[in-house]
Each structure stands twice: as structure tokens, then as C-alpha cells.
Amino acid sequence: MEVHPSVPAKTVAEFIAYAKANPGKISFASAGNGTTIHLSGELFMAMTGLKMLHVPYRGTGPALNDLVAGHVDFIFMELASGFKLHEAGKARILAVATEQRLDVLPGVPTLIEVGVPDLISDTWNAISAPPKTPAPIIAKLNRAINDTLNEPDTKTRFRELNLLAAGGSPDDMAKLKRQETERWTKVIRDAGIQAE
């Protein structure tokens, strides 16, 4: 959760109090309707009871440009894109939406820690194989991918990009997809989000 420096809140609790004192006046940017950034903002509003204005953009770049310019108040942004703005003082990260604190931001709490339970919004990528790929091939690819993720050079490069490498098994991925589908389907339904 990243705010423009003009937002007086230095913590999530202060931000919630500020937004409650200014209902409907706080705006959050997204990379477009239905994007993870948009859904994270909707989930945050649902969990905190806040009413804020969603401002959809045509991509992450324009959304971040307007955050930096102060045209919008905050954004939920993957760390790889938002960290440099935070470092440069052009935006301020109040909390992360991951299960645990991040090594690169040890002083920044998770949203769970600051009283917004179950708000986990972690952008992820996965490698998929074509349907009906034989199980031995899947197992071989999975081992190779996990081995690569554990190589020191890979870990170093991921750290440089502010990315976390998770790895895991095909079953772990299937479980994550089920959980994510359930979580975001509920957010979409509750917020009444429609395809354009």
C-alpha cells in the first residue's frame, strides 16, 4: 500500500482514520478495472469499511505517474514497481500485502499486522505446461525450475528486482489457484465489478 507524500498518514491506522474523516474524497489508482491493483483496493475498502474513489488507468505506468504527481492518493502496487518510488521519496509504502514482512523493507509491517486481517494480495507468476503433458515430464520440469530458483545467482537477481521466488510443487500451485480464485471471485461479486 503506497501513498503520495502529501497524504498526512504515516501508518495504516492513520490512513484509515484520515480516510474515515474524508469519506469519498480519497482516491486510489489502478492499472484498470478488474486488475489485481483494483481488486486489492476494493478488498481494502470492504475490510475497513472505507469509501474511496477508484480511478482506473490504462496500465501501471500512467497510474504511477499520477500517484507521483499527486492526482491520486494511493495505490496497491507490486514491490518491483513501487519500491524505487518509495526509495526516492516520491511515494511512501505504509504496509505490504504479503503474509510476512519483506527483507527489503524490514521496518514496514504487513497489513495483517496492522489490523487488516486476511488482506493478502501478492502478485505471482507461474510456469504452466500444455494440458495432458505426461506426469514424468511435469515432475522433471518442476525439479528443474525449483533447482533454478534455488541457485545463488537466481536468488541474487530476484533480490535485485525485489521479487520473491516461491517454487513448490504442482499441487502447491493448484492449491494457490483455488485459493486465489475463491478470494478474488468474492471481491468481484461483493464490489459489483462488471467486465467492460
Protein backbone atom coordinates (compact mmCIF):
# COMPACT_ATOMS: atom_id res chain seq x y z
CA MET A 1 0.00 0.00 0.00
CA GLU A 2 1.74 3.14 -1.26
CA VAL A 3 0.61 6.72 -0.71
CA HIS A 4 1.58 10.08 -2.17
CA PRO A 5 3.82 12.08 0.22
CA SER A 6 1.11 14.72 0.66
CA VAL A 7 -1.12 12.18 2.42
CA PRO A 8 -0.62 13.00 6.11
CA ALA A 9 -0.82 9.38 7.28
CA LYS A 10 2.44 7.67 8.25
CA THR A 11 0.78 4.39 9.27
CA VAL A 12 -2.16 2.34 8.05
CA ALA A 13 -4.13 3.22 11.20
CA GLU A 14 -3.57 6.91 10.50
CA PHE A 15 -4.56 6.39 6.86
CA ILE A 16 -7.81 4.66 7.86
CA ALA A 17 -8.61 7.47 10.30
CA TYR A 18 -7.81 10.06 7.61
CA ALA A 19 -10.00 8.28 5.04
CA LYS A 20 -12.88 7.97 7.52
CA ALA A 21 -12.63 11.69 8.24
CA ASN A 22 -12.76 12.38 4.47
CA PRO A 23 -15.31 9.89 3.09
CA GLY A 24 -15.37 9.69 -0.68
CA LYS A 25 -12.52 12.20 -1.03
CA ILE A 26 -9.64 9.74 -1.01
CA SER A 27 -8.75 8.26 -4.40
CA PHE A 28 -6.88 5.13 -5.31
CA ALA A 29 -5.32 4.38 -8.66
CA SER A 30 -5.31 1.10 -10.51
CA ALA A 31 -3.97 -0.24 -13.78
CA GLY A 32 -7.57 -0.69 -14.94
CA ASN A 33 -10.88 -2.20 -13.90
CA GLY A 34 -10.54 -5.76 -12.66
CA THR A 35 -6.76 -5.70 -12.29
CA THR A 36 -5.12 -7.00 -9.13
CA ILE A 37 -4.42 -3.42 -8.11
CA HIS A 38 -8.11 -2.52 -8.44
CA LEU A 39 -9.30 -5.64 -6.61
CA SER A 40 -6.82 -5.04 -3.79
CA GLY A 41 -8.25 -1.56 -3.27
CA GLU A 42 -11.80 -2.94 -3.27
CA LEU A 43 -10.82 -5.62 -0.74
CA PHE A 44 -9.17 -2.98 1.46
CA MET A 45 -12.34 -0.87 1.39
CA ALA A 46 -14.51 -3.88 2.21
CA MET A 47 -12.32 -4.90 5.14
CA THR A 48 -12.02 -1.41 6.61
CA GLY A 49 -15.47 -0.03 5.80
CA LEU A 50 -13.92 2.87 3.90
CA LYS A 51 -15.49 4.61 0.92
CA MET A 52 -12.92 5.79 -1.61
CA LEU A 53 -12.88 6.74 -5.27
CA HIS A 54 -11.39 4.21 -7.66
CA VAL A 55 -9.53 5.84 -10.57
CA PRO A 56 -8.75 3.28 -13.29
CA TYR A 57 -5.87 3.94 -15.68
CA ARG A 58 -4.77 2.23 -18.87
CA GLY A 59 -1.83 0.48 -17.28
CA THR A 60 0.53 0.69 -14.35
CA GLY A 61 2.74 3.43 -15.83
CA PRO A 62 0.01 6.08 -16.09
CA ALA A 63 -1.32 5.13 -12.63
CA LEU A 64 2.11 5.57 -11.06
CA ASN A 65 2.68 8.84 -12.94
CA ASP A 66 -0.49 10.29 -11.43
CA LEU A 67 0.39 8.96 -7.97
CA VAL A 68 3.76 10.72 -8.17
CA ALA A 69 2.06 13.88 -9.47
CA GLY A 70 -0.38 13.81 -6.55
CA HIS A 71 -3.51 13.40 -8.68
CA VAL A 72 -4.44 10.26 -6.71
CA ASP A 73 -3.79 9.47 -3.05
CA PHE A 74 -2.68 5.85 -3.03
CA ILE A 75 -2.22 2.60 -4.90
CA PHE A 76 -1.70 -1.07 -4.21
CA MET A 77 1.38 -1.88 -6.22
CA GLU A 78 3.72 -4.82 -6.61
CA LEU A 79 7.01 -4.09 -4.92
CA ALA A 80 9.05 -4.41 -8.11
CA SER A 81 7.33 -1.27 -9.46
CA GLY A 82 6.73 0.71 -6.27
CA PHE A 83 9.99 0.26 -4.37
CA LYS A 84 12.05 2.80 -6.33
CA LEU A 85 9.38 5.47 -5.80
CA HIS A 86 9.49 4.72 -2.08
CA GLU A 87 13.30 4.91 -2.02
CA ALA A 88 13.25 8.22 -3.92
CA GLY A 89 10.69 9.73 -1.54
CA LYS A 90 8.15 10.14 -4.36
CA ALA A 91 5.72 7.80 -2.59
CA ARG A 92 5.57 6.15 0.82
CA ILE A 93 4.90 2.47 1.48
CA LEU A 94 2.71 2.15 4.57
CA ALA A 95 2.35 -1.62 4.56
CA VAL A 96 2.81 -4.69 2.40
CA ALA A 97 0.00 -7.06 1.45
CA THR A 98 2.08 -10.21 1.86
CA GLU A 99 1.82 -12.82 4.61
CA GLN A 100 5.19 -11.86 6.08
CA ARG A 101 7.36 -8.77 6.16
CA LEU A 102 9.78 -8.39 3.28
CA ASP A 103 13.55 -8.50 3.81
CA VAL A 104 14.00 -5.40 1.65
CA LEU A 105 11.53 -3.43 3.87
CA PRO A 106 12.05 -4.85 7.37
CA GLY A 107 10.51 -1.81 9.08
CA VAL A 108 7.32 -1.90 7.01
CA PRO A 109 4.55 -4.03 8.54
CA THR A 110 2.14 -6.31 6.76
CA LEU A 111 -1.50 -5.27 6.53
CA ILE A 112 -2.31 -8.29 8.69
CA GLU A 113 0.00 -6.97 11.43
CA VAL A 114 -1.72 -3.59 11.45
CA GLY A 115 -5.20 -4.99 11.87
CA VAL A 116 -6.47 -5.64 8.36
CA PRO A 117 -6.82 -9.42 8.67
CA ASP A 118 -6.66 -11.68 5.65
CA LEU A 119 -5.69 -8.88 3.27
CA ILE A 120 -3.14 -10.71 1.21
CA SER A 121 -2.64 -9.51 -2.32
CA ASP A 122 0.50 -10.95 -3.71
CA THR A 123 1.13 -10.77 -7.45
CA TRP A 124 2.53 -14.04 -8.67
CA ASN A 125 3.66 -15.75 -11.83
CA ALA A 126 3.73 -19.45 -12.63
CA ILE A 127 5.01 -21.69 -15.35
CA SER A 128 2.41 -23.94 -16.96
CA ALA A 129 2.67 -26.87 -19.32
CA PRO A 130 0.18 -27.78 -22.04
CA PRO A 131 -2.81 -29.90 -20.97
CA LYS A 132 -2.19 -33.68 -20.92
CA THR A 133 1.59 -33.27 -20.51
CA PRO A 134 2.75 -36.61 -19.05
CA ALA A 135 3.32 -36.62 -15.27
CA PRO A 136 7.02 -37.63 -15.54
CA ILE A 137 7.65 -34.59 -17.78
CA ILE A 138 5.83 -32.31 -15.32
CA ALA A 139 7.91 -33.73 -12.45
CA LYS A 140 11.16 -33.24 -14.38
CA LEU A 141 10.27 -29.64 -15.29
CA ASN A 142 9.19 -28.91 -11.72
CA ARG A 143 12.52 -30.19 -10.32
CA ALA A 144 14.49 -28.15 -12.85
CA ILE A 145 12.52 -24.97 -12.09
CA ASN A 146 12.87 -25.40 -8.32
CA ASP A 147 16.60 -26.11 -8.70
CA THR A 148 16.99 -22.94 -10.78
CA LEU A 149 15.09 -20.86 -8.22
CA ASN A 150 17.46 -22.10 -5.51
CA GLU A 151 20.66 -21.22 -7.41
CA PRO A 152 22.59 -18.35 -5.78
CA ASP A 153 22.67 -16.29 -9.00
CA THR A 154 18.90 -16.61 -9.39
CA LYS A 155 18.30 -15.61 -5.76
CA THR A 156 20.60 -12.61 -6.16
CA ARG A 157 18.84 -11.47 -9.34
CA PHE A 158 15.41 -11.83 -7.78
CA ARG A 159 16.55 -9.74 -4.78
CA GLU A 160 17.84 -7.05 -7.14
CA LEU A 161 14.40 -6.95 -8.79
CA ASN A 162 12.58 -7.01 -5.42
CA LEU A 163 10.93 -10.30 -6.34
CA LEU A 164 10.37 -13.32 -4.14
CA ALA A 165 10.94 -16.80 -5.52
CA ALA A 166 8.49 -19.30 -4.07
CA GLY A 167 8.88 -22.51 -6.03
CA GLY A 168 6.92 -25.54 -4.95
CA SER A 169 5.05 -28.47 -6.40
CA PRO A 170 2.23 -28.71 -8.94
CA ASP A 171 -0.09 -29.47 -6.01
CA ASP A 172 1.05 -26.26 -4.27
CA MET A 173 0.20 -24.32 -7.45
CA ALA A 174 -3.20 -25.96 -7.78
CA LYS A 175 -3.99 -25.06 -4.16
CA LEU A 176 -2.86 -21.44 -4.68
CA LYS A 177 -5.01 -21.11 -7.82
CA ARG A 178 -8.08 -22.42 -5.95
CA GLN A 179 -7.50 -20.00 -3.05
CA GLU A 180 -6.90 -17.03 -5.34
CA THR A 181 -9.96 -17.83 -7.46
CA GLU A 182 -12.14 -18.04 -4.36
CA ARG A 183 -10.73 -14.85 -2.81
CA TRP A 184 -10.99 -12.65 -5.90
CA THR A 185 -14.34 -14.05 -7.08
CA LYS A 186 -15.81 -12.93 -3.76
CA VAL A 187 -14.25 -9.46 -4.07
CA ILE A 188 -15.58 -9.08 -7.63
CA ARG A 189 -19.08 -10.16 -6.64
CA ASP A 190 -19.21 -8.08 -3.45
CA ALA A 191 -17.96 -4.96 -5.23
CA GLY A 192 -20.26 -5.49 -8.21
CA ILE A 193 -17.40 -5.26 -10.70
CA GLN A 194 -18.51 -5.83 -14.29
CA ALA A 195 -16.47 -6.56 -17.40
CA GLU A 196 -16.23 -3.60 -19.77
